[in-house]
Amino acid sequence: MADNGPVTTSQPDTQPDTPPEENAPRWGSYVAIGDSFTEGLWDPYPNDPDRQRGWADLLAGHLSTRRTAAGEAPLEYANLAIRGRLLRSILAEQVSAALALEPDLVSLIGGGNDILRPAADIDRLARNLDHAVGRLRAEGIDVLLGTGFDTSGSPLVGLTRGRVGVYNAHIWSIARRHGAHVLDLWGMASLHDWRMWSSDRIHLTPDGHRRVAQAALVGLGQVPDDATWDDPLAPLPPVPALDRARQNAEWVRVHVYPWATRRLRGRSSGDLRVPKAPALTPVQSDLGTD
């Protein structure tokens, strides 16, 4: 197994143990695996509104731009993430597929769909994740993990906050044992602003994806492109209690009820879906770096 190395974080006031890359990022290839968070939703490509991008696509664009600016070949990128996937499916299906591509870097973020279920065994999730990270690191692949969001301000989803906190503690320990990097989503102040979230309150808006991509750069020990990437937004006027209740009721009707119905029927939003980018391909300019 690879030797333990430093853990870097996405906190803006935390200095990584290793200096940021001053030239081209050392990774020539990157594979993103996970669920809808990594697949990317509610963020259409500027030149192709039928395709959705997310923070991982933007991260690939940033890394590739830095490589080409330093005279290196563009980054090769694949995204194997599929919405709705539980952690066991991610680890059983996507980790092996990622290993077969022999990348330099893998982002592995999952478990959120499991934690939404009250009976989730957080310690078991962590053991399985630890094993998968060990497999990747044993092949010399750098790994970027991600903590869960702080859901303290979200109705219903906020009930998972304790489980997310325990899972996050495991993630930091796993990263330390294996020398992995960490995207610290829990620590992002800007994600406490509802304008970073889509109407389903689970997936990010384009600006949320942009900020998370910057946090991922920091987690990898890179200098962010935008020094204000995690500055809180200007405060919003308070929402009247009646309007807030109506918004919550609409959210339950439009988003929570269909999700719960799928769960009862043993179905997932990702059933029959395939990865959107299954092969390593040089990053194209339409991934965007905004």
C-alpha atoms as a PDB file:
ATOM      1  CA  MET A   1       0.000   0.000   0.000  1.00  0.00           C
ATOM      2  CA  ALA A   2       1.221   3.524  -0.709  1.00  0.00           C
ATOM      3  CA  ASP A   3       2.955   5.435   2.075  1.00  0.00           C
ATOM      4  CA  ASN A   4       0.824   7.854   4.040  1.00  0.00           C
ATOM      5  CA  GLY A   5       1.085  11.432   2.893  1.00  0.00           C
ATOM      6  CA  PRO A   6      -0.280  14.821   3.906  1.00  0.00           C
ATOM      7  CA  VAL A   7      -3.971  15.581   4.019  1.00  0.00           C
ATOM      8  CA  THR A   8      -4.924  18.831   2.306  1.00  0.00           C
ATOM      9  CA  THR A   9      -8.244  20.562   2.834  1.00  0.00           C
ATOM     10  CA  SER A  10     -10.531  23.051   1.171  1.00  0.00           C
ATOM     11  CA  GLN A  11     -10.515  25.468   4.105  1.00  0.00           C
ATOM     12  CA  PRO A  12      -9.396  28.901   2.849  1.00  0.00           C
ATOM     13  CA  ASP A  13      -7.336  29.606   5.986  1.00  0.00           C
ATOM     14  CA  THR A  14      -5.598  26.235   6.103  1.00  0.00           C
ATOM     15  CA  GLN A  15      -2.133  25.866   4.599  1.00  0.00           C
ATOM     16  CA  PRO A  16      -1.475  22.439   3.049  1.00  0.00           C
ATOM     17  CA  ASP A  17       1.527  20.520   4.322  1.00  0.00           C
ATOM     18  CA  THR A  18       2.916  20.497   0.778  1.00  0.00           C
ATOM     19  CA  PRO A  19       3.282  23.703  -1.243  1.00  0.00           C
ATOM     20  CA  PRO A  20       0.765  24.357  -4.027  1.00  0.00           C
ATOM     21  CA  GLU A  21       1.784  23.471  -7.556  1.00  0.00           C
ATOM     22  CA  GLU A  22       3.458  26.454  -9.204  1.00  0.00           C
ATOM     23  CA  ASN A  23       3.518  24.996 -12.693  1.00  0.00           C
ATOM     24  CA  ALA A  24       1.359  22.366 -14.393  1.00  0.00           C
ATOM     25  CA  PRO A  25      -0.657  20.103 -12.084  1.00  0.00           C
ATOM     26  CA  ARG A  26       1.133  16.756 -11.896  1.00  0.00           C
ATOM     27  CA  TRP A  27      -1.984  14.795 -12.874  1.00  0.00           C
ATOM     28  CA  GLY A  28      -2.313  13.963 -16.545  1.00  0.00           C
ATOM     29  CA  SER A  29      -5.584  12.058 -16.142  1.00  0.00           C
ATOM     30  CA  TYR A  30      -8.546  12.332 -13.791  1.00  0.00           C
ATOM     31  CA  VAL A  31     -11.581  10.074 -13.214  1.00  0.00           C
ATOM     32  CA  ALA A  32     -14.565  11.280 -11.171  1.00  0.00           C
ATOM     33  CA  ILE A  33     -16.765   8.662  -9.511  1.00  0.00           C
ATOM     34  CA  GLY A  34     -19.812   8.980  -7.286  1.00  0.00           C
ATOM     35  CA  ASP A  35     -23.496   9.883  -7.428  1.00  0.00           C
ATOM     36  CA  SER A  36     -25.487  12.886  -8.676  1.00  0.00           C
ATOM     37  CA  PHE A  37     -23.284  15.314  -6.765  1.00  0.00           C
ATOM     38  CA  THR A  38     -20.342  14.340  -8.972  1.00  0.00           C
ATOM     39  CA  GLU A  39     -22.357  13.623 -12.123  1.00  0.00           C
ATOM     40  CA  GLY A  40     -23.651  17.188 -12.038  1.00  0.00           C
ATOM     41  CA  LEU A  41     -27.267  18.353 -12.262  1.00  0.00           C
ATOM     42  CA  TRP A  42     -29.088  21.639 -12.927  1.00  0.00           C
ATOM     43  CA  ASP A  43     -26.030  23.151 -14.626  1.00  0.00           C
ATOM     44  CA  PRO A  44     -26.264  22.910 -18.442  1.00  0.00           C
ATOM     45  CA  TYR A  45     -23.188  23.338 -20.603  1.00  0.00           C
ATOM     46  CA  PRO A  46     -23.110  26.839 -22.143  1.00  0.00           C
ATOM     47  CA  ASN A  47     -23.023  25.478 -25.701  1.00  0.00           C
ATOM     48  CA  ASP A  48     -25.154  22.376 -25.137  1.00  0.00           C
ATOM     49  CA  PRO A  49     -28.148  22.833 -22.803  1.00  0.00           C
ATOM     50  CA  ASP A  50     -29.049  19.147 -23.087  1.00  0.00           C
ATOM     51  CA  ARG A  51     -25.830  18.178 -21.251  1.00  0.00           C
ATOM     52  CA  GLN A  52     -25.297  18.769 -17.554  1.00  0.00           C
ATOM     53  CA  ARG A  53     -21.995  19.630 -15.955  1.00  0.00           C
ATOM     54  CA  GLY A  54     -20.950  19.912 -12.333  1.00  0.00           C
ATOM     55  CA  TRP A  55     -18.042  20.747 -10.076  1.00  0.00           C
ATOM     56  CA  ALA A  56     -15.952  17.766 -11.275  1.00  0.00           C
ATOM     57  CA  ASP A  57     -16.243  18.913 -14.897  1.00  0.00           C
ATOM     58  CA  LEU A  58     -15.201  22.412 -13.883  1.00  0.00           C
ATOM     59  CA  LEU A  59     -12.305  21.049 -11.838  1.00  0.00           C
ATOM     60  CA  ALA A  60     -11.118  19.071 -14.869  1.00  0.00           C
ATOM     61  CA  GLY A  61     -11.308  22.258 -16.917  1.00  0.00           C
ATOM     62  CA  HIS A  62      -9.212  24.190 -14.390  1.00  0.00           C
ATOM     63  CA  LEU A  63      -6.554  21.485 -14.193  1.00  0.00           C
ATOM     64  CA  SER A  64      -6.406  21.150 -17.966  1.00  0.00           C
ATOM     65  CA  THR A  65      -6.105  24.913 -18.493  1.00  0.00           C
ATOM     66  CA  ARG A  66      -3.178  25.041 -16.065  1.00  0.00           C
ATOM     67  CA  ARG A  67      -1.486  22.145 -17.825  1.00  0.00           C
ATOM     68  CA  THR A  68      -1.792  23.633 -21.305  1.00  0.00           C
ATOM     69  CA  ALA A  69      -0.664  27.047 -20.032  1.00  0.00           C
ATOM     70  CA  ALA A  70       2.527  25.351 -18.816  1.00  0.00           C
ATOM     71  CA  GLY A  71       3.055  23.676 -22.193  1.00  0.00           C
ATOM     72  CA  GLU A  72       1.765  20.248 -21.127  1.00  0.00           C
ATOM     73  CA  ALA A  73      -0.853  18.096 -22.842  1.00  0.00           C
ATOM     74  CA  PRO A  74      -4.496  18.717 -21.876  1.00  0.00           C
ATOM     75  CA  LEU A  75      -5.843  16.736 -18.957  1.00  0.00           C
ATOM     76  CA  GLU A  76      -7.632  13.503 -19.866  1.00  0.00           C
ATOM     77  CA  TYR A  77     -10.942  13.214 -18.004  1.00  0.00           C
ATOM     78  CA  ALA A  78     -13.713  10.672 -17.442  1.00  0.00           C
ATOM     79  CA  ASN A  79     -16.835  10.950 -15.295  1.00  0.00           C
ATOM     80  CA  LEU A  80     -18.342   7.615 -14.204  1.00  0.00           C
ATOM     81  CA  ALA A  81     -20.752   9.033 -11.600  1.00  0.00           C
ATOM     82  CA  ILE A  82     -24.447   8.134 -11.821  1.00  0.00           C
ATOM     83  CA  ARG A  83     -27.251   9.841  -9.931  1.00  0.00           C
ATOM     84  CA  GLY A  84     -29.033   7.908  -7.207  1.00  0.00           C
ATOM     85  CA  ARG A  85     -26.213   5.467  -6.571  1.00  0.00           C
ATOM     86  CA  LEU A  86     -25.637   4.116  -3.068  1.00  0.00           C
ATOM     87  CA  LEU A  87     -22.077   3.821  -1.843  1.00  0.00           C
ATOM     88  CA  ARG A  88     -21.949   0.042  -2.296  1.00  0.00           C
ATOM     89  CA  SER A  89     -22.841   0.387  -5.976  1.00  0.00           C
ATOM     90  CA  ILE A  90     -20.292   3.159  -6.456  1.00  0.00           C
ATOM     91  CA  LEU A  91     -17.541   1.060  -4.911  1.00  0.00           C
ATOM     92  CA  ALA A  92     -18.533  -2.193  -6.639  1.00  0.00           C
ATOM     93  CA  GLU A  93     -19.021  -0.756 -10.116  1.00  0.00           C
ATOM     94  CA  GLN A  94     -17.157   2.495 -10.479  1.00  0.00           C
ATOM     95  CA  VAL A  95     -13.938   1.870  -8.545  1.00  0.00           C
ATOM     96  CA  SER A  96     -13.031  -1.144 -10.692  1.00  0.00           C
ATOM     97  CA  ALA A  97     -13.889   0.804 -13.842  1.00  0.00           C
ATOM     98  CA  ALA A  98     -11.715   3.685 -12.670  1.00  0.00           C
ATOM     99  CA  LEU A  99      -8.793   1.351 -11.901  1.00  0.00           C
ATOM    100  CA  ALA A 100      -9.043  -0.076 -15.418  1.00  0.00           C
ATOM    101  CA  LEU A 101      -8.526   3.435 -16.837  1.00  0.00           C
ATOM    102  CA  GLU A 102      -5.256   3.801 -14.859  1.00  0.00           C
ATOM    103  CA  PRO A 103      -5.682   7.510 -14.033  1.00  0.00           C
ATOM    104  CA  ASP A 104      -3.369   9.688 -11.973  1.00  0.00           C
ATOM    105  CA  LEU A 105      -6.219  11.145  -9.901  1.00  0.00           C
ATOM    106  CA  VAL A 106      -9.627   9.862  -8.775  1.00  0.00           C
ATOM    107  CA  SER A 107     -12.277  11.808  -6.885  1.00  0.00           C
ATOM    108  CA  LEU A 108     -14.401   9.432  -4.821  1.00  0.00           C
ATOM    109  CA  ILE A 109     -17.394  11.060  -3.149  1.00  0.00           C
ATOM    110  CA  GLY A 110     -20.438   9.055  -2.113  1.00  0.00           C
ATOM    111  CA  GLY A 111     -22.559   7.939   0.801  1.00  0.00           C
ATOM    112  CA  GLY A 112     -25.004  10.836   0.823  1.00  0.00           C
ATOM    113  CA  ASN A 113     -27.851   8.750  -0.576  1.00  0.00           C
ATOM    114  CA  ASP A 114     -27.167   6.109   2.081  1.00  0.00           C
ATOM    115  CA  ILE A 115     -27.184   8.648   4.907  1.00  0.00           C
ATOM    116  CA  LEU A 116     -30.632   9.893   3.862  1.00  0.00           C
ATOM    117  CA  ARG A 117     -31.915   6.485   4.968  1.00  0.00           C
ATOM    118  CA  PRO A 118     -32.520   6.343   8.752  1.00  0.00           C
ATOM    119  CA  ALA A 119     -31.116   2.795   9.034  1.00  0.00           C
ATOM    120  CA  ALA A 120     -27.773   3.653   7.443  1.00  0.00           C
ATOM    121  CA  ASP A 121     -24.792   1.978   9.148  1.00  0.00           C
ATOM    122  CA  ILE A 122     -22.241   4.804   9.072  1.00  0.00           C
ATOM    123  CA  ASP A 123     -19.375   2.695  10.405  1.00  0.00           C
ATOM    124  CA  ARG A 124     -19.944   0.100   7.697  1.00  0.00           C
ATOM    125  CA  LEU A 125     -20.010   2.800   5.021  1.00  0.00           C
ATOM    126  CA  ALA A 126     -16.684   4.053   6.326  1.00  0.00           C
ATOM    127  CA  ARG A 127     -15.111   0.576   6.334  1.00  0.00           C
ATOM    128  CA  ASN A 128     -16.128   0.028   2.736  1.00  0.00           C
ATOM    129  CA  LEU A 129     -14.849   3.454   1.715  1.00  0.00           C
ATOM    130  CA  ASP A 130     -11.558   2.823   3.509  1.00  0.00           C
ATOM    131  CA  HIS A 131     -11.063  -0.426   1.573  1.00  0.00           C
ATOM    132  CA  ALA A 132     -11.747   1.298  -1.750  1.00  0.00           C
ATOM    133  CA  VAL A 133      -9.337   4.143  -1.033  1.00  0.00           C
ATOM    134  CA  GLY A 134      -6.691   1.582  -0.108  1.00  0.00           C
ATOM    135  CA  ARG A 135      -7.167  -0.153  -3.481  1.00  0.00           C
ATOM    136  CA  LEU A 136      -6.724   3.096  -5.380  1.00  0.00           C
ATOM    137  CA  ARG A 137      -3.719   4.263  -3.366  1.00  0.00           C
ATOM    138  CA  ALA A 138      -2.038   0.856  -3.705  1.00  0.00           C
ATOM    139  CA  GLU A 139      -1.973   1.499  -7.465  1.00  0.00           C
ATOM    140  CA  GLY A 140      -0.295   4.865  -6.962  1.00  0.00           C
ATOM    141  CA  ILE A 141      -3.459   6.850  -7.733  1.00  0.00           C
ATOM    142  CA  ASP A 142      -4.040  10.108  -5.873  1.00  0.00           C
ATOM    143  CA  VAL A 143      -7.500  10.277  -4.288  1.00  0.00           C
ATOM    144  CA  LEU A 144      -9.745  13.245  -3.535  1.00  0.00           C
ATOM    145  CA  LEU A 145     -12.431  12.489  -0.940  1.00  0.00           C
ATOM    146  CA  GLY A 146     -15.220  14.850   0.077  1.00  0.00           C
ATOM    147  CA  THR A 147     -16.996  15.474   3.347  1.00  0.00           C
ATOM    148  CA  GLY A 148     -20.750  15.827   3.576  1.00  0.00           C
ATOM    149  CA  PHE A 149     -22.475  19.199   3.691  1.00  0.00           C
ATOM    150  CA  ASP A 150     -23.571  20.818   6.933  1.00  0.00           C
ATOM    151  CA  THR A 151     -27.345  20.400   6.694  1.00  0.00           C
ATOM    152  CA  SER A 152     -28.186  22.386   9.836  1.00  0.00           C
ATOM    153  CA  GLY A 153     -30.335  24.885   7.945  1.00  0.00           C
ATOM    154  CA  SER A 154     -32.349  22.402   5.892  1.00  0.00           C
ATOM    155  CA  PRO A 155     -35.752  21.041   6.962  1.00  0.00           C
ATOM    156  CA  LEU A 156     -35.958  17.231   7.033  1.00  0.00           C
ATOM    157  CA  VAL A 157     -32.476  16.815   5.501  1.00  0.00           C
ATOM    158  CA  GLY A 158     -31.136  18.539   8.614  1.00  0.00           C
ATOM    159  CA  LEU A 159     -32.182  15.459  10.588  1.00  0.00           C
ATOM    160  CA  THR A 160     -29.170  13.671   9.068  1.00  0.00           C
ATOM    161  CA  ARG A 161     -26.664  16.188  10.455  1.00  0.00           C
ATOM    162  CA  GLY A 162     -25.400  13.909  13.226  1.00  0.00           C
ATOM    163  CA  ARG A 163     -24.858  10.994  10.857  1.00  0.00           C
ATOM    164  CA  VAL A 164     -23.083  13.257   8.380  1.00  0.00           C
ATOM    165  CA  GLY A 165     -20.799  14.508  11.154  1.00  0.00           C
ATOM    166  CA  VAL A 166     -19.779  10.964  12.136  1.00  0.00           C
ATOM    167  CA  TYR A 167     -19.180  10.045   8.484  1.00  0.00           C
ATOM    168  CA  ASN A 168     -17.043  13.159   8.031  1.00  0.00           C
ATOM    169  CA  ALA A 169     -14.884  12.163  10.989  1.00  0.00           C
ATOM    170  CA  HIS A 170     -14.311   8.799   9.319  1.00  0.00           C
ATOM    171  CA  ILE A 171     -13.418  10.513   6.028  1.00  0.00           C
ATOM    172  CA  TRP A 172     -10.719  12.631   7.656  1.00  0.00           C
ATOM    173  CA  SER A 173      -9.280   9.535   9.331  1.00  0.00           C
ATOM    174  CA  ILE A 174      -9.337   7.565   6.071  1.00  0.00           C
ATOM    175  CA  ALA A 175      -7.586  10.411   4.276  1.00  0.00           C
ATOM    176  CA  ARG A 176      -4.901  10.570   6.953  1.00  0.00           C
ATOM    177  CA  ARG A 177      -4.261   6.824   6.854  1.00  0.00           C
ATOM    178  CA  HIS A 178      -3.936   6.668   3.082  1.00  0.00           C
ATOM    179  CA  GLY A 179      -2.496  10.068   2.240  1.00  0.00           C
ATOM    180  CA  ALA A 180      -5.604  11.237   0.382  1.00  0.00           C
ATOM    181  CA  HIS A 181      -6.826  14.771  -0.247  1.00  0.00           C
ATOM    182  CA  VAL A 182     -10.096  16.130   1.163  1.00  0.00           C
ATOM    183  CA  LEU A 183     -12.663  18.503  -0.313  1.00  0.00           C
ATOM    184  CA  ASP A 184     -14.101  20.021   2.859  1.00  0.00           C
ATOM    185  CA  LEU A 185     -17.698  20.746   1.902  1.00  0.00           C
ATOM    186  CA  TRP A 186     -18.777  20.894   5.547  1.00  0.00           C
ATOM    187  CA  GLY A 187     -16.457  23.860   6.090  1.00  0.00           C
ATOM    188  CA  MET A 188     -17.701  25.948   3.145  1.00  0.00           C
ATOM    189  CA  ALA A 189     -19.408  29.045   4.523  1.00  0.00           C
ATOM    190  CA  SER A 190     -20.983  29.941   1.180  1.00  0.00           C
ATOM    191  CA  LEU A 191     -22.965  26.690   1.085  1.00  0.00           C
ATOM    192  CA  HIS A 192     -25.071  27.928   3.991  1.00  0.00           C
ATOM    193  CA  ASP A 193     -26.685  30.368   1.550  1.00  0.00           C
ATOM    194  CA  TRP A 194     -29.763  28.873  -0.121  1.00  0.00           C
ATOM    195  CA  ARG A 195     -28.845  30.596  -3.407  1.00  0.00           C
ATOM    196  CA  MET A 196     -26.134  27.950  -3.833  1.00  0.00           C
ATOM    197  CA  TRP A 197     -28.808  25.235  -3.956  1.00  0.00           C
ATOM    198  CA  SER A 198     -31.306  24.201  -6.605  1.00  0.00           C
ATOM    199  CA  SER A 199     -35.023  23.946  -5.927  1.00  0.00           C
ATOM    200  CA  ASP A 200     -34.660  20.361  -4.640  1.00  0.00           C
ATOM    201  CA  ARG A 201     -32.339  21.646  -1.843  1.00  0.00           C
ATOM    202  CA  ILE A 202     -29.983  18.708  -2.413  1.00  0.00           C
ATOM    203  CA  HIS A 203     -28.145  19.617  -5.616  1.00  0.00           C
ATOM    204  CA  LEU A 204     -26.106  22.720  -6.336  1.00  0.00           C
ATOM    205  CA  THR A 205     -26.749  25.626  -8.679  1.00  0.00           C
ATOM    206  CA  PRO A 206     -24.143  26.625 -11.299  1.00  0.00           C
ATOM    207  CA  ASP A 207     -22.614  29.086  -8.826  1.00  0.00           C
ATOM    208  CA  GLY A 208     -22.525  26.357  -6.197  1.00  0.00           C
ATOM    209  CA  HIS A 209     -20.676  24.062  -8.611  1.00  0.00           C
ATOM    210  CA  ARG A 210     -18.249  26.867  -9.430  1.00  0.00           C
ATOM    211  CA  ARG A 211     -17.431  27.442  -5.770  1.00  0.00           C
ATOM    212  CA  VAL A 212     -17.052  23.727  -5.029  1.00  0.00           C
ATOM    213  CA  ALA A 213     -14.646  23.382  -7.983  1.00  0.00           C
ATOM    214  CA  GLN A 214     -12.521  26.114  -6.407  1.00  0.00           C
ATOM    215  CA  ALA A 215     -12.693  24.276  -3.068  1.00  0.00           C
ATOM    216  CA  ALA A 216     -11.555  21.106  -4.825  1.00  0.00           C
ATOM    217  CA  LEU A 217      -8.511  22.948  -6.200  1.00  0.00           C
ATOM    218  CA  VAL A 218      -7.637  24.021  -2.658  1.00  0.00           C
ATOM    219  CA  GLY A 219      -8.221  20.491  -1.376  1.00  0.00           C
ATOM    220  CA  LEU A 220      -5.697  19.268  -3.963  1.00  0.00           C
ATOM    221  CA  GLY A 221      -3.104  21.781  -2.787  1.00  0.00           C
ATOM    222  CA  GLN A 222      -3.648  24.104  -5.762  1.00  0.00           C
ATOM    223  CA  VAL A 223      -4.077  27.858  -5.601  1.00  0.00           C
ATOM    224  CA  PRO A 224      -7.710  28.802  -6.363  1.00  0.00           C
ATOM    225  CA  ASP A 225      -8.447  30.985  -9.356  1.00  0.00           C
ATOM    226  CA  ASP A 226     -10.822  33.115  -7.303  1.00  0.00           C
ATOM    227  CA  ALA A 227      -9.562  34.291  -3.930  1.00  0.00           C
ATOM    228  CA  THR A 228     -13.147  35.058  -2.865  1.00  0.00           C
ATOM    229  CA  TRP A 229     -14.429  31.568  -3.714  1.00  0.00           C
ATOM    230  CA  ASP A 230     -15.898  30.979  -0.244  1.00  0.00           C
ATOM    231  CA  ASP A 231     -16.885  34.484   0.772  1.00  0.00           C
ATOM    232  CA  PRO A 232     -20.424  34.483   2.185  1.00  0.00           C
ATOM    233  CA  LEU A 233     -22.977  36.210   0.014  1.00  0.00           C
ATOM    234  CA  ALA A 234     -24.719  39.402   1.059  1.00  0.00           C
ATOM    235  CA  PRO A 235     -27.478  38.607   3.565  1.00  0.00           C
ATOM    236  CA  LEU A 236     -30.997  38.167   2.251  1.00  0.00           C
ATOM    237  CA  PRO A 237     -34.084  39.764   3.767  1.00  0.00           C
ATOM    238  CA  PRO A 238     -35.977  37.339   6.006  1.00  0.00           C
ATOM    239  CA  VAL A 239     -38.772  35.342   4.409  1.00  0.00           C
ATOM    240  CA  PRO A 240     -42.185  35.781   6.085  1.00  0.00           C
ATOM    241  CA  ALA A 241     -43.219  32.706   8.059  1.00  0.00           C
ATOM    242  CA  LEU A 242     -46.269  32.050   5.855  1.00  0.00           C
ATOM    243  CA  ASP A 243     -44.194  32.215   2.653  1.00  0.00           C
ATOM    244  CA  ARG A 244     -41.574  29.946   4.177  1.00  0.00           C
ATOM    245  CA  ALA A 245     -44.233  27.394   5.113  1.00  0.00           C
ATOM    246  CA  ARG A 246     -45.646  27.482   1.581  1.00  0.00           C
ATOM    247  CA  GLN A 247     -42.164  26.998   0.100  1.00  0.00           C
ATOM    248  CA  ASN A 248     -41.528  24.028   2.371  1.00  0.00           C
ATOM    249  CA  ALA A 249     -44.866  22.462   1.464  1.00  0.00           C
ATOM    250  CA  GLU A 250     -44.111  22.890  -2.252  1.00  0.00           C
ATOM    251  CA  TRP A 251     -40.677  21.329  -1.768  1.00  0.00           C
ATOM    252  CA  VAL A 252     -42.210  18.285  -0.057  1.00  0.00           C
ATOM    253  CA  ARG A 253     -44.787  17.884  -2.830  1.00  0.00           C
ATOM    254  CA  VAL A 254     -42.439  18.345  -5.782  1.00  0.00           C
ATOM    255  CA  HIS A 255     -39.245  16.743  -4.504  1.00  0.00           C
ATOM    256  CA  VAL A 256     -39.605  14.794  -1.243  1.00  0.00           C
ATOM    257  CA  TYR A 257     -42.743  12.814  -2.121  1.00  0.00           C
ATOM    258  CA  PRO A 258     -41.399  11.499  -5.470  1.00  0.00           C
ATOM    259  CA  TRP A 259     -38.098  10.578  -3.782  1.00  0.00           C
ATOM    260  CA  ALA A 260     -39.858   8.698  -0.976  1.00  0.00           C
ATOM    261  CA  THR A 261     -42.122   6.927  -3.488  1.00  0.00           C
ATOM    262  CA  ARG A 262     -39.093   5.693  -5.447  1.00  0.00           C
ATOM    263  CA  ARG A 263     -37.509   4.431  -2.227  1.00  0.00           C
ATOM    264  CA  LEU A 264     -40.644   2.447  -1.298  1.00  0.00           C
ATOM    265  CA  ARG A 265     -40.693   0.876  -4.759  1.00  0.00           C
ATOM    266  CA  GLY A 266     -36.973   0.046  -4.641  1.00  0.00           C
ATOM    267  CA  ARG A 267     -36.230   2.354  -7.549  1.00  0.00           C
ATOM    268  CA  SER A 268     -33.631   5.044  -8.135  1.00  0.00           C
ATOM    269  CA  SER A 269     -33.439   8.147 -10.317  1.00  0.00           C
ATOM    270  CA  GLY A 270     -30.334   6.566 -11.846  1.00  0.00           C
ATOM    271  CA  ASP A 271     -31.922   3.274 -12.877  1.00  0.00           C
ATOM    272  CA  LEU A 272     -30.924   2.349 -16.449  1.00  0.00           C
ATOM    273  CA  ARG A 273     -28.552   5.308 -16.677  1.00  0.00           C
ATOM    274  CA  VAL A 274     -24.950   4.931 -17.827  1.00  0.00           C
ATOM    275  CA  PRO A 275     -21.930   7.155 -17.111  1.00  0.00           C
ATOM    276  CA  LYS A 276     -21.954  10.381 -19.107  1.00  0.00           C
ATOM    277  CA  ALA A 277     -18.218  10.232 -19.883  1.00  0.00           C
ATOM    278  CA  PRO A 278     -16.979   6.617 -19.497  1.00  0.00           C
ATOM    279  CA  ALA A 279     -13.628   6.960 -21.293  1.00  0.00           C
ATOM    280  CA  LEU A 280     -10.632   9.173 -20.644  1.00  0.00           C
ATOM    281  CA  THR A 281     -10.783  11.980 -23.184  1.00  0.00           C
ATOM    282  CA  PRO A 282      -8.750  15.204 -23.487  1.00  0.00           C
ATOM    283  CA  VAL A 283     -10.674  18.021 -21.851  1.00  0.00           C
ATOM    284  CA  GLN A 284     -12.552  20.174 -24.332  1.00  0.00           C
ATOM    285  CA  SER A 285     -13.000  23.896 -23.936  1.00  0.00           C
ATOM    286  CA  ASP A 286     -16.765  23.523 -23.485  1.00  0.00           C
ATOM    287  CA  LEU A 287     -16.247  22.068 -20.010  1.00  0.00           C
ATOM    288  CA  GLY A 288     -15.737  25.662 -18.986  1.00  0.00           C
ATOM    289  CA  THR A 289     -13.628  27.107 -16.193  1.00  0.00           C
ATOM    290  CA  ASP A 290     -15.979  29.872 -15.080  1.00  0.00           C
END
